[in-house]
Amino acid sequence: MLKKFISALVITIGLSSVFATTGDKAEAAYYHTKAISVAKANIGVPYRWGGMSSSGFDCSGLVKYSFGKAGKVLPRTATEMYYTKGYRVSSLQAGDLMFFAPNKASKPTHVAMYIGAGKMIMASSSKGVIITNTNNSYWTPKYIGAKRI
């Protein structure tokens, strides 16, 4: 009798963790998709240092705004996002945050959102909110890693 109870308990715990993980992944997919959609709706919005609205964005302002509209609160700066949120990933998925620094030894000063198919969306100081390739010759040498929120 005890063996049957323990077996049932193990099965129940195992199934509940599978469903919890599936639910977590579905929730993450939702807010990643939503954040990307919000960012894309702002393509062409001009760059504004410190900007966090559709009248103007800086890089972290766009990411914070987009994830905020999807229901996730992020810190204000790329550096704070990098050091306090998510977990590092080596294989990118849509919605992951990509971080860049002037050199590999310095803290991140720029953040973009990976949108899939080798593309990222960001607030560029010269062009405003744009989509560009992740292998962009300007950004590739400055890439220091990605995090999944």
C-alpha atoms as a PDB file:
ATOM      1  CA  MET A   1       0.000   0.000   0.000  1.00  0.00           C
ATOM      2  CA  LEU A   2       2.785   2.408   0.887  1.00  0.00           C
ATOM      3  CA  LYS A   3       4.586   1.622  -2.392  1.00  0.00           C
ATOM      4  CA  LYS A   4       1.416   2.443  -4.376  1.00  0.00           C
ATOM      5  CA  PHE A   5       1.003   5.713  -2.481  1.00  0.00           C
ATOM      6  CA  ILE A   6       4.629   6.708  -3.072  1.00  0.00           C
ATOM      7  CA  SER A   7       4.365   5.783  -6.771  1.00  0.00           C
ATOM      8  CA  ALA A   8       1.187   7.854  -7.150  1.00  0.00           C
ATOM      9  CA  LEU A   9       2.811  10.760  -5.344  1.00  0.00           C
ATOM     10  CA  VAL A  10       5.914  10.625  -7.569  1.00  0.00           C
ATOM     11  CA  ILE A  11       3.755  10.521 -10.709  1.00  0.00           C
ATOM     12  CA  THR A  12       1.624  13.433  -9.482  1.00  0.00           C
ATOM     13  CA  ILE A  13       4.680  15.565  -8.663  1.00  0.00           C
ATOM     14  CA  GLY A  14       6.286  14.703 -11.994  1.00  0.00           C
ATOM     15  CA  LEU A  15       3.166  15.607 -13.973  1.00  0.00           C
ATOM     16  CA  SER A  16       2.624  18.836 -12.096  1.00  0.00           C
ATOM     17  CA  SER A  17       6.194  19.934 -12.812  1.00  0.00           C
ATOM     18  CA  VAL A  18       5.740  19.100 -16.522  1.00  0.00           C
ATOM     19  CA  PHE A  19       2.551  21.166 -16.679  1.00  0.00           C
ATOM     20  CA  ALA A  20       4.134  24.010 -14.706  1.00  0.00           C
ATOM     21  CA  THR A  21       7.098  24.063 -17.093  1.00  0.00           C
ATOM     22  CA  THR A  22       4.782  23.991 -20.107  1.00  0.00           C
ATOM     23  CA  GLY A  23       2.778  26.854 -18.628  1.00  0.00           C
ATOM     24  CA  ASP A  24       5.937  28.859 -17.911  1.00  0.00           C
ATOM     25  CA  LYS A  25       7.123  28.353 -21.502  1.00  0.00           C
ATOM     26  CA  ALA A  26       3.740  29.363 -22.897  1.00  0.00           C
ATOM     27  CA  GLU A  27       3.711  32.494 -20.730  1.00  0.00           C
ATOM     28  CA  ALA A  28       7.262  33.375 -21.792  1.00  0.00           C
ATOM     29  CA  ALA A  29       6.385  32.841 -25.468  1.00  0.00           C
ATOM     30  CA  TYR A  30       3.390  35.154 -25.032  1.00  0.00           C
ATOM     31  CA  TYR A  31       5.278  38.067 -23.525  1.00  0.00           C
ATOM     32  CA  HIS A  32       8.220  37.638 -25.901  1.00  0.00           C
ATOM     33  CA  THR A  33       5.836  37.712 -28.877  1.00  0.00           C
ATOM     34  CA  LYS A  34       3.941  40.662 -27.426  1.00  0.00           C
ATOM     35  CA  ALA A  35       7.137  42.619 -26.666  1.00  0.00           C
ATOM     36  CA  ILE A  36       8.382  42.059 -30.229  1.00  0.00           C
ATOM     37  CA  SER A  37       5.029  43.173 -31.621  1.00  0.00           C
ATOM     38  CA  VAL A  38       5.098  46.362 -29.540  1.00  0.00           C
ATOM     39  CA  ALA A  39       8.674  47.126 -30.603  1.00  0.00           C
ATOM     40  CA  LYS A  40       7.829  46.534 -34.285  1.00  0.00           C
ATOM     41  CA  ALA A  41       4.850  48.892 -33.999  1.00  0.00           C
ATOM     42  CA  ASN A  42       7.381  51.585 -33.090  1.00  0.00           C
ATOM     43  CA  ILE A  43       9.685  51.183 -36.109  1.00  0.00           C
ATOM     44  CA  GLY A  44      10.661  54.627 -37.311  1.00  0.00           C
ATOM     45  CA  VAL A  45      10.146  56.335 -33.951  1.00  0.00           C
ATOM     46  CA  PRO A  46      13.117  58.677 -33.518  1.00  0.00           C
ATOM     47  CA  TYR A  47      15.963  58.125 -31.094  1.00  0.00           C
ATOM     48  CA  ARG A  48      15.835  60.191 -27.933  1.00  0.00           C
ATOM     49  CA  TRP A  49      18.412  59.786 -25.184  1.00  0.00           C
ATOM     50  CA  GLY A  50      16.512  58.690 -22.065  1.00  0.00           C
ATOM     51  CA  GLY A  51      13.347  58.199 -24.145  1.00  0.00           C
ATOM     52  CA  MET A  52      10.817  55.636 -22.997  1.00  0.00           C
ATOM     53  CA  SER A  53       7.732  56.468 -25.079  1.00  0.00           C
ATOM     54  CA  SER A  54       6.508  56.412 -28.651  1.00  0.00           C
ATOM     55  CA  SER A  55       7.625  60.032 -29.005  1.00  0.00           C
ATOM     56  CA  GLY A  56      11.244  58.829 -28.755  1.00  0.00           C
ATOM     57  CA  PHE A  57      13.267  55.867 -27.437  1.00  0.00           C
ATOM     58  CA  ASP A  58      16.779  55.067 -26.468  1.00  0.00           C
ATOM     59  CA  CYS A  59      17.825  51.410 -26.615  1.00  0.00           C
ATOM     60  CA  SER A  60      16.864  50.356 -23.098  1.00  0.00           C
ATOM     61  CA  GLY A  61      13.784  52.582 -23.170  1.00  0.00           C
ATOM     62  CA  LEU A  62      12.454  50.637 -26.174  1.00  0.00           C
ATOM     63  CA  VAL A  63      13.097  47.277 -24.473  1.00  0.00           C
ATOM     64  CA  LYS A  64      11.627  48.418 -21.135  1.00  0.00           C
ATOM     65  CA  TYR A  65       8.564  49.903 -22.867  1.00  0.00           C
ATOM     66  CA  SER A  66       7.972  46.848 -25.080  1.00  0.00           C
ATOM     67  CA  PHE A  67       8.285  44.317 -22.264  1.00  0.00           C
ATOM     68  CA  GLY A  68       6.209  46.575 -19.987  1.00  0.00           C
ATOM     69  CA  LYS A  69       3.349  46.511 -22.498  1.00  0.00           C
ATOM     70  CA  ALA A  70       3.672  42.713 -22.436  1.00  0.00           C
ATOM     71  CA  GLY A  71       3.395  42.650 -18.637  1.00  0.00           C
ATOM     72  CA  LYS A  72       7.063  42.349 -17.632  1.00  0.00           C
ATOM     73  CA  VAL A  73       8.778  45.063 -15.632  1.00  0.00           C
ATOM     74  CA  LEU A  74      12.432  45.605 -16.509  1.00  0.00           C
ATOM     75  CA  PRO A  75      15.006  48.001 -15.078  1.00  0.00           C
ATOM     76  CA  ARG A  76      15.728  51.276 -16.869  1.00  0.00           C
ATOM     77  CA  THR A  77      19.237  50.740 -18.255  1.00  0.00           C
ATOM     78  CA  ALA A  78      20.979  48.101 -20.362  1.00  0.00           C
ATOM     79  CA  THR A  79      23.503  47.600 -17.558  1.00  0.00           C
ATOM     80  CA  GLU A  80      20.797  46.967 -14.944  1.00  0.00           C
ATOM     81  CA  MET A  81      18.974  44.577 -17.291  1.00  0.00           C
ATOM     82  CA  TYR A  82      22.183  42.658 -17.919  1.00  0.00           C
ATOM     83  CA  TYR A  83      23.183  42.302 -14.283  1.00  0.00           C
ATOM     84  CA  THR A  84      19.792  41.805 -12.613  1.00  0.00           C
ATOM     85  CA  LYS A  85      17.346  40.070 -14.975  1.00  0.00           C
ATOM     86  CA  GLY A  86      17.016  36.777 -16.801  1.00  0.00           C
ATOM     87  CA  TYR A  87      19.619  34.127 -17.431  1.00  0.00           C
ATOM     88  CA  ARG A  88      22.423  33.907 -19.968  1.00  0.00           C
ATOM     89  CA  VAL A  89      21.801  31.955 -23.165  1.00  0.00           C
ATOM     90  CA  SER A  90      24.104  30.996 -26.014  1.00  0.00           C
ATOM     91  CA  SER A  91      21.438  30.009 -28.532  1.00  0.00           C
ATOM     92  CA  LEU A  92      19.081  32.893 -29.311  1.00  0.00           C
ATOM     93  CA  GLN A  93      15.296  32.675 -29.345  1.00  0.00           C
ATOM     94  CA  ALA A  94      12.850  35.411 -30.307  1.00  0.00           C
ATOM     95  CA  GLY A  95      12.481  37.825 -27.405  1.00  0.00           C
ATOM     96  CA  ASP A  96      15.979  37.323 -25.982  1.00  0.00           C
ATOM     97  CA  LEU A  97      17.879  40.457 -25.083  1.00  0.00           C
ATOM     98  CA  MET A  98      21.220  41.017 -26.797  1.00  0.00           C
ATOM     99  CA  PHE A  99      23.809  43.136 -24.995  1.00  0.00           C
ATOM    100  CA  PHE A 100      26.674  45.167 -26.407  1.00  0.00           C
ATOM    101  CA  ALA A 101      29.639  47.036 -24.911  1.00  0.00           C
ATOM    102  CA  PRO A 102      32.354  49.291 -26.319  1.00  0.00           C
ATOM    103  CA  ASN A 103      34.845  46.499 -25.558  1.00  0.00           C
ATOM    104  CA  LYS A 104      34.542  43.001 -24.110  1.00  0.00           C
ATOM    105  CA  ALA A 105      35.838  44.102 -20.692  1.00  0.00           C
ATOM    106  CA  SER A 106      33.354  46.904 -20.120  1.00  0.00           C
ATOM    107  CA  LYS A 107      29.771  46.914 -18.918  1.00  0.00           C
ATOM    108  CA  PRO A 108      26.942  46.811 -21.477  1.00  0.00           C
ATOM    109  CA  THR A 109      25.862  50.145 -22.875  1.00  0.00           C
ATOM    110  CA  HIS A 110      23.430  48.954 -25.542  1.00  0.00           C
ATOM    111  CA  VAL A 111      20.589  46.423 -25.658  1.00  0.00           C
ATOM    112  CA  ALA A 112      18.549  45.057 -28.552  1.00  0.00           C
ATOM    113  CA  MET A 113      15.811  42.438 -28.813  1.00  0.00           C
ATOM    114  CA  TYR A 114      16.349  39.353 -30.959  1.00  0.00           C
ATOM    115  CA  ILE A 115      13.313  38.830 -33.225  1.00  0.00           C
ATOM    116  CA  GLY A 116      14.372  35.646 -35.029  1.00  0.00           C
ATOM    117  CA  ALA A 117      15.871  34.830 -38.440  1.00  0.00           C
ATOM    118  CA  GLY A 118      19.162  36.548 -37.601  1.00  0.00           C
ATOM    119  CA  LYS A 119      17.501  39.917 -36.950  1.00  0.00           C
ATOM    120  CA  MET A 120      17.256  42.252 -33.973  1.00  0.00           C
ATOM    121  CA  ILE A 121      15.175  45.334 -33.241  1.00  0.00           C
ATOM    122  CA  MET A 122      16.717  48.304 -31.466  1.00  0.00           C
ATOM    123  CA  ALA A 123      16.705  52.047 -31.035  1.00  0.00           C
ATOM    124  CA  SER A 124      19.621  53.320 -33.096  1.00  0.00           C
ATOM    125  CA  SER A 125      20.989  56.766 -32.258  1.00  0.00           C
ATOM    126  CA  SER A 126      21.274  57.566 -35.973  1.00  0.00           C
ATOM    127  CA  LYS A 127      18.082  55.971 -37.364  1.00  0.00           C
ATOM    128  CA  GLY A 128      15.628  55.556 -34.485  1.00  0.00           C
ATOM    129  CA  VAL A 129      13.828  52.231 -34.020  1.00  0.00           C
ATOM    130  CA  ILE A 130      15.046  49.818 -36.696  1.00  0.00           C
ATOM    131  CA  ILE A 131      15.415  46.147 -37.520  1.00  0.00           C
ATOM    132  CA  THR A 132      18.933  45.091 -38.464  1.00  0.00           C
ATOM    133  CA  ASN A 133      20.941  41.903 -38.907  1.00  0.00           C
ATOM    134  CA  THR A 134      22.607  40.403 -35.852  1.00  0.00           C
ATOM    135  CA  ASN A 135      25.796  40.030 -37.892  1.00  0.00           C
ATOM    136  CA  ASN A 136      25.887  43.798 -38.491  1.00  0.00           C
ATOM    137  CA  SER A 137      29.562  44.787 -38.862  1.00  0.00           C
ATOM    138  CA  TYR A 138      29.235  47.604 -36.309  1.00  0.00           C
ATOM    139  CA  TRP A 139      27.530  45.581 -33.558  1.00  0.00           C
ATOM    140  CA  THR A 140      29.100  42.113 -33.941  1.00  0.00           C
ATOM    141  CA  PRO A 141      32.462  43.001 -32.335  1.00  0.00           C
ATOM    142  CA  LYS A 142      30.645  44.726 -29.447  1.00  0.00           C
ATOM    143  CA  TYR A 143      28.356  41.767 -28.621  1.00  0.00           C
ATOM    144  CA  ILE A 144      28.936  40.471 -25.081  1.00  0.00           C
ATOM    145  CA  GLY A 145      26.039  38.044 -24.659  1.00  0.00           C
ATOM    146  CA  ALA A 146      22.315  37.439 -24.466  1.00  0.00           C
ATOM    147  CA  LYS A 147      19.812  36.870 -21.700  1.00  0.00           C
ATOM    148  CA  ARG A 148      16.377  35.327 -21.660  1.00  0.00           C
ATOM    149  CA  ILE A 149      13.832  37.092 -19.473  1.00  0.00           C
END
